Amino acid sequence: MRNILEELQKQYSTSITEIAVAGKRLKFLQANKIDGALEGVHLGETGSAEFPFWLKIWEASVVLANFLSSIQKDKKREWVEIGAGMGVAGIFAAAFGHRVTITDHHAEALKFARANAALNNLKGVRFALLDWEHLTTRNRYDYIIGSEVVYTEKLFEPLMQLFKSLLLPDGTIFLAGDVTRRSPLKFFNMLKDDFYIQKNSTTLRSQDQTYVIDLYRLRFR
C-alpha cells in the first residue's frame, strides 16, 4: 500500500479529499498534476475518448453512490463497476456492504481505485482490467453500475454488448450521468428492444454550482 501511495504521489502530486454519502465519510486520492497521464494521448475529435477522464471525481458518481446506499446488502449478489476511474461509486458500494468488483481499462485508474479502497480499510474489494471492446471475462453479475460511461458514440455498441454479456438474467444496471454532457438518447434507443429502461433525475448542489444528474435503471425484457 505504501509503495502505491508513494508512486502515485511522485507521478501525480496527490492529495486526499473526503466525500460524505449517506452517513459515510470516505477518503479519495486526487491528482494535482496530470502530465504523466497525458503521455501518448492524442487530443481532438478522434482522440477525445483517450483523455484520462478517470482522474476526476465526477458528480454523477457521488449521486450514484448515494442511491446505492438505499439497496439492501446481500452477500450472495455480485456487483461490478465499469469505467470506474477512481472507483467512487464502487468503493461506497463496498462500504455499504456489497460484494464489488471495480473495473477500468486503464491500469493507472485501477492503481487509484486500489489505493482508495485501502485508504478506507475495505478489504474485500476486487479489481480487474476490463476492455469493453475486447471482453475476456465470463463472469456475470447481479448489478452493473457506472457513472459518466455513455460519452462517446464509438463505444455504444461495445457497451451494449458488455451489458448483455455481464448481466445476469434477473440483474439490474444503474447508470448516472450529468444532463449537460453529450446526450445519451441514441444509446438508450439502441437498448430499448432488449431492456426496460427507467430514468429519474436528481439535483446535487455544491457551494457555487448546481448539477442535474440523470439516474437510469435497466433490466432485461
Protein backbone atom coordinates (compact mmCIF):
# COMPACT_ATOMS: atom_id res chain seq x y z
CA MET A 1 0.00 0.00 0.00
CA ARG A 2 2.74 2.48 0.95
CA ASN A 3 4.57 1.78 -2.32
CA ILE A 4 1.47 2.53 -4.39
CA LEU A 5 0.79 5.75 -2.48
CA GLU A 6 4.41 6.88 -2.91
CA GLU A 7 4.34 6.04 -6.62
CA LEU A 8 1.10 7.96 -7.19
CA GLN A 9 2.32 10.90 -5.10
CA LYS A 10 5.52 11.13 -7.17
CA GLN A 11 3.75 10.93 -10.51
CA TYR A 12 0.58 12.91 -9.80
CA SER A 13 1.33 15.05 -6.72
CA THR A 14 -1.70 13.60 -4.94
CA SER A 15 -3.81 14.96 -2.13
CA ILE A 16 -6.70 13.44 -0.22
CA THR A 17 -10.28 14.66 -0.36
CA GLU A 18 -13.18 13.38 1.71
CA ILE A 19 -16.67 12.64 0.39
CA ALA A 20 -19.67 12.10 2.65
CA VAL A 21 -22.57 9.99 1.39
CA ALA A 22 -25.48 8.58 3.40
CA GLY A 23 -23.67 8.88 6.71
CA LYS A 24 -20.34 7.51 5.50
CA ARG A 25 -17.29 9.70 5.00
CA LEU A 26 -14.60 8.16 2.78
CA LYS A 27 -11.18 9.31 1.61
CA PHE A 28 -10.12 9.54 -2.05
CA LEU A 29 -6.82 10.40 -3.67
CA GLN A 30 -6.88 13.31 -6.10
CA ALA A 31 -4.25 14.03 -8.73
CA ASN A 32 -2.96 17.61 -8.66
CA LYS A 33 -0.97 17.24 -11.88
CA ILE A 34 -1.83 15.09 -14.89
CA ASP A 35 1.27 15.36 -17.10
CA GLY A 36 2.09 11.67 -16.69
CA ALA A 37 -1.41 10.58 -17.63
CA LEU A 38 -1.32 12.61 -20.87
CA GLU A 39 1.71 10.81 -22.29
CA GLY A 40 0.75 9.31 -25.64
CA VAL A 41 -2.75 10.83 -25.62
CA HIS A 42 -3.85 12.50 -28.87
CA LEU A 43 -6.49 15.12 -28.25
CA GLY A 44 -9.10 16.21 -30.75
CA GLU A 45 -12.15 14.58 -32.26
CA THR A 46 -10.56 11.17 -32.85
CA GLY A 47 -8.62 11.04 -29.62
CA SER A 48 -11.02 12.56 -27.13
CA ALA A 49 -12.00 9.13 -25.75
CA GLU A 50 -8.37 8.65 -24.70
CA PHE A 51 -8.32 11.66 -22.38
CA PRO A 52 -7.78 10.49 -18.77
CA PHE A 53 -11.28 11.26 -17.53
CA TRP A 54 -10.62 8.78 -14.72
CA LEU A 55 -8.52 11.43 -12.94
CA LYS A 56 -11.63 13.39 -11.96
CA ILE A 57 -14.20 12.64 -9.29
CA TRP A 58 -17.45 13.12 -11.20
CA GLU A 59 -20.56 14.49 -9.55
CA ALA A 60 -22.60 11.68 -11.10
CA SER A 61 -20.54 9.10 -9.20
CA VAL A 62 -21.47 10.77 -5.90
CA VAL A 63 -25.16 10.76 -6.82
CA LEU A 64 -24.91 7.12 -7.85
CA ALA A 65 -23.16 6.26 -4.58
CA ASN A 66 -25.95 7.93 -2.63
CA PHE A 67 -28.56 5.92 -4.50
CA LEU A 68 -26.71 2.65 -3.88
CA SER A 69 -26.90 3.25 -0.14
CA SER A 70 -30.64 2.51 -0.38
CA ILE A 71 -30.15 -1.03 -1.73
CA GLN A 72 -30.23 -3.71 0.93
CA LYS A 73 -26.96 -5.61 1.14
CA ASP A 74 -26.96 -9.24 0.10
CA LYS A 75 -23.65 -11.12 0.23
CA LYS A 76 -24.94 -13.58 -2.38
CA ARG A 77 -25.21 -10.86 -5.01
CA GLU A 78 -22.24 -9.70 -7.08
CA TRP A 79 -21.62 -6.14 -8.24
CA VAL A 80 -19.31 -4.74 -10.90
CA GLU A 81 -18.45 -1.11 -11.52
CA ILE A 82 -17.48 -0.40 -15.13
CA GLY A 83 -15.36 2.55 -16.24
CA ALA A 84 -14.72 3.07 -12.56
CA GLY A 85 -11.83 5.53 -12.67
CA MET A 86 -11.19 6.48 -9.04
CA GLY A 87 -13.80 3.92 -8.02
CA VAL A 88 -16.02 6.31 -6.07
CA ALA A 89 -19.36 4.55 -6.60
CA GLY A 90 -17.90 1.06 -6.26
CA ILE A 91 -15.95 1.88 -3.12
CA PHE A 92 -19.01 3.39 -1.49
CA ALA A 93 -21.00 0.31 -2.54
CA ALA A 94 -18.38 -1.85 -0.80
CA ALA A 95 -18.56 0.38 2.28
CA PHE A 96 -22.35 -0.19 2.30
CA GLY A 97 -21.67 -3.94 2.47
CA HIS A 98 -21.98 -5.05 -1.16
CA ARG A 99 -19.64 -7.53 -2.91
CA VAL A 100 -17.96 -5.37 -5.53
CA THR A 101 -15.50 -5.81 -8.40
CA ILE A 102 -14.10 -2.49 -9.65
CA THR A 103 -13.02 -2.38 -13.29
CA ASP A 104 -11.48 0.02 -15.76
CA HIS A 105 -9.44 -0.40 -18.92
CA HIS A 106 -6.73 1.96 -17.61
CA ALA A 107 -4.20 0.28 -15.33
CA GLU A 108 -3.40 3.68 -13.78
CA ALA A 109 -7.05 4.19 -12.86
CA LEU A 110 -7.06 0.88 -11.01
CA LYS A 111 -3.98 1.97 -9.06
CA PHE A 112 -6.01 4.91 -7.73
CA ALA A 113 -9.03 2.71 -7.06
CA ARG A 114 -6.90 0.17 -5.14
CA ALA A 115 -5.29 2.95 -3.12
CA ASN A 116 -8.70 4.44 -2.35
CA ALA A 117 -10.06 1.10 -1.15
CA ALA A 118 -7.00 0.68 1.08
CA LEU A 119 -7.30 4.23 2.44
CA ASN A 120 -10.77 3.30 3.67
CA ASN A 121 -9.77 -0.13 5.05
CA LEU A 122 -12.01 -2.01 2.61
CA LYS A 123 -10.55 -5.49 2.38
CA GLY A 124 -12.95 -7.44 0.18
CA VAL A 125 -13.00 -5.27 -2.94
CA ARG A 126 -11.76 -6.94 -6.14
CA PHE A 127 -10.18 -5.19 -9.10
CA ALA A 128 -9.85 -6.14 -12.77
CA LEU A 129 -8.87 -4.62 -16.09
CA LEU A 130 -11.87 -4.62 -18.41
CA ASP A 131 -11.70 -3.61 -22.06
CA TRP A 132 -15.24 -3.10 -23.37
CA GLU A 133 -14.17 -3.72 -26.96
CA HIS A 134 -12.34 -6.99 -26.18
CA LEU A 135 -14.23 -8.80 -23.43
CA THR A 136 -12.41 -11.80 -22.00
CA THR A 137 -14.29 -12.36 -18.74
CA ARG A 138 -17.05 -14.94 -18.39
CA ASN A 139 -18.20 -13.56 -15.05
CA ARG A 140 -21.80 -12.39 -14.77
CA TYR A 141 -23.20 -10.03 -12.19
CA ASP A 142 -26.40 -9.18 -10.37
CA TYR A 143 -25.65 -5.45 -10.60
CA ILE A 144 -23.68 -3.40 -13.11
CA ILE A 145 -23.03 0.21 -12.12
CA GLY A 146 -21.34 3.10 -13.91
CA SER A 147 -21.15 6.88 -13.89
CA GLU A 148 -20.42 9.02 -16.96
CA VAL A 149 -19.81 5.91 -19.09
CA VAL A 150 -22.05 6.96 -22.00
CA TYR A 151 -19.81 9.62 -23.51
CA THR A 152 -18.60 8.59 -26.97
CA GLU A 153 -20.60 7.03 -29.79
CA LYS A 154 -17.86 4.65 -30.87
CA LEU A 155 -18.29 2.77 -27.58
CA PHE A 156 -22.10 2.48 -27.72
CA GLU A 157 -22.09 -0.92 -29.43
CA PRO A 158 -19.34 -2.42 -27.20
CA LEU A 159 -21.12 -1.10 -24.11
CA MET A 160 -24.42 -2.64 -25.20
CA GLN A 161 -22.71 -5.99 -25.79
CA LEU A 162 -21.00 -5.72 -22.40
CA PHE A 163 -24.38 -5.32 -20.70
CA LYS A 164 -25.73 -8.39 -22.46
CA SER A 165 -22.63 -10.44 -21.61
CA LEU A 166 -22.09 -9.43 -17.98
CA LEU A 167 -25.63 -9.02 -16.62
CA LEU A 168 -27.43 -12.00 -15.11
CA PRO A 169 -30.96 -12.61 -16.49
CA ASP A 170 -32.64 -11.08 -13.42
CA GLY A 171 -29.93 -8.46 -12.85
CA THR A 172 -30.09 -4.66 -12.82
CA ILE A 173 -27.93 -1.90 -14.31
CA PHE A 174 -27.63 1.52 -12.68
CA LEU A 175 -26.04 4.35 -14.68
CA ALA A 176 -25.62 8.02 -13.75
CA GLY A 177 -24.69 10.99 -15.90
CA ASP A 178 -24.79 14.78 -15.91
CA VAL A 179 -27.60 16.07 -18.16
CA THR A 180 -25.31 18.75 -19.63
CA ARG A 181 -22.99 16.20 -21.23
CA ARG A 182 -23.44 14.59 -24.62
CA SER A 183 -26.99 13.28 -24.91
CA PRO A 184 -27.25 9.51 -24.32
CA LEU A 185 -30.58 9.32 -26.15
CA LYS A 186 -29.16 7.41 -29.12
CA PHE A 187 -27.52 4.88 -26.84
CA PHE A 188 -30.66 4.15 -24.86
CA ASN A 189 -32.67 3.90 -28.09
CA MET A 190 -30.26 1.11 -29.08
CA LEU A 191 -31.10 -0.73 -25.85
CA LYS A 192 -34.88 -0.41 -25.75
CA ASP A 193 -35.60 -3.67 -27.62
CA ASP A 194 -33.65 -5.70 -25.05
CA PHE A 195 -34.06 -3.71 -21.83
CA TYR A 196 -36.71 -1.99 -19.77
CA ILE A 197 -35.35 1.48 -19.04
CA GLN A 198 -36.39 3.87 -16.27
CA LYS A 199 -34.95 7.34 -15.74
CA ASN A 200 -35.06 9.71 -12.79
CA SER A 201 -33.27 12.99 -12.25
CA THR A 202 -31.79 14.40 -9.08
CA THR A 203 -30.07 17.66 -8.18
CA LEU A 204 -26.68 17.93 -6.49
CA ARG A 205 -25.73 21.31 -5.07
CA SER A 206 -22.28 22.49 -4.06
CA GLN A 207 -21.32 25.89 -2.66
CA ASP A 208 -21.19 27.53 -6.09
CA GLN A 209 -22.74 25.09 -8.59
CA THR A 210 -25.81 23.00 -9.20
CA TYR A 211 -25.71 19.73 -11.12
CA VAL A 212 -28.66 17.81 -12.52
CA ILE A 213 -27.87 14.11 -12.73
CA ASP A 214 -29.90 11.50 -14.62
CA LEU A 215 -30.06 8.07 -13.00
CA TYR A 216 -31.00 5.14 -15.25
CA ARG A 217 -32.22 1.70 -14.18
CA LEU A 218 -32.12 -1.08 -16.80
CA ARG A 219 -33.40 -4.66 -16.69
CA PHE A 220 -33.72 -7.32 -19.39
CA ARG A 221 -37.10 -7.59 -21.07
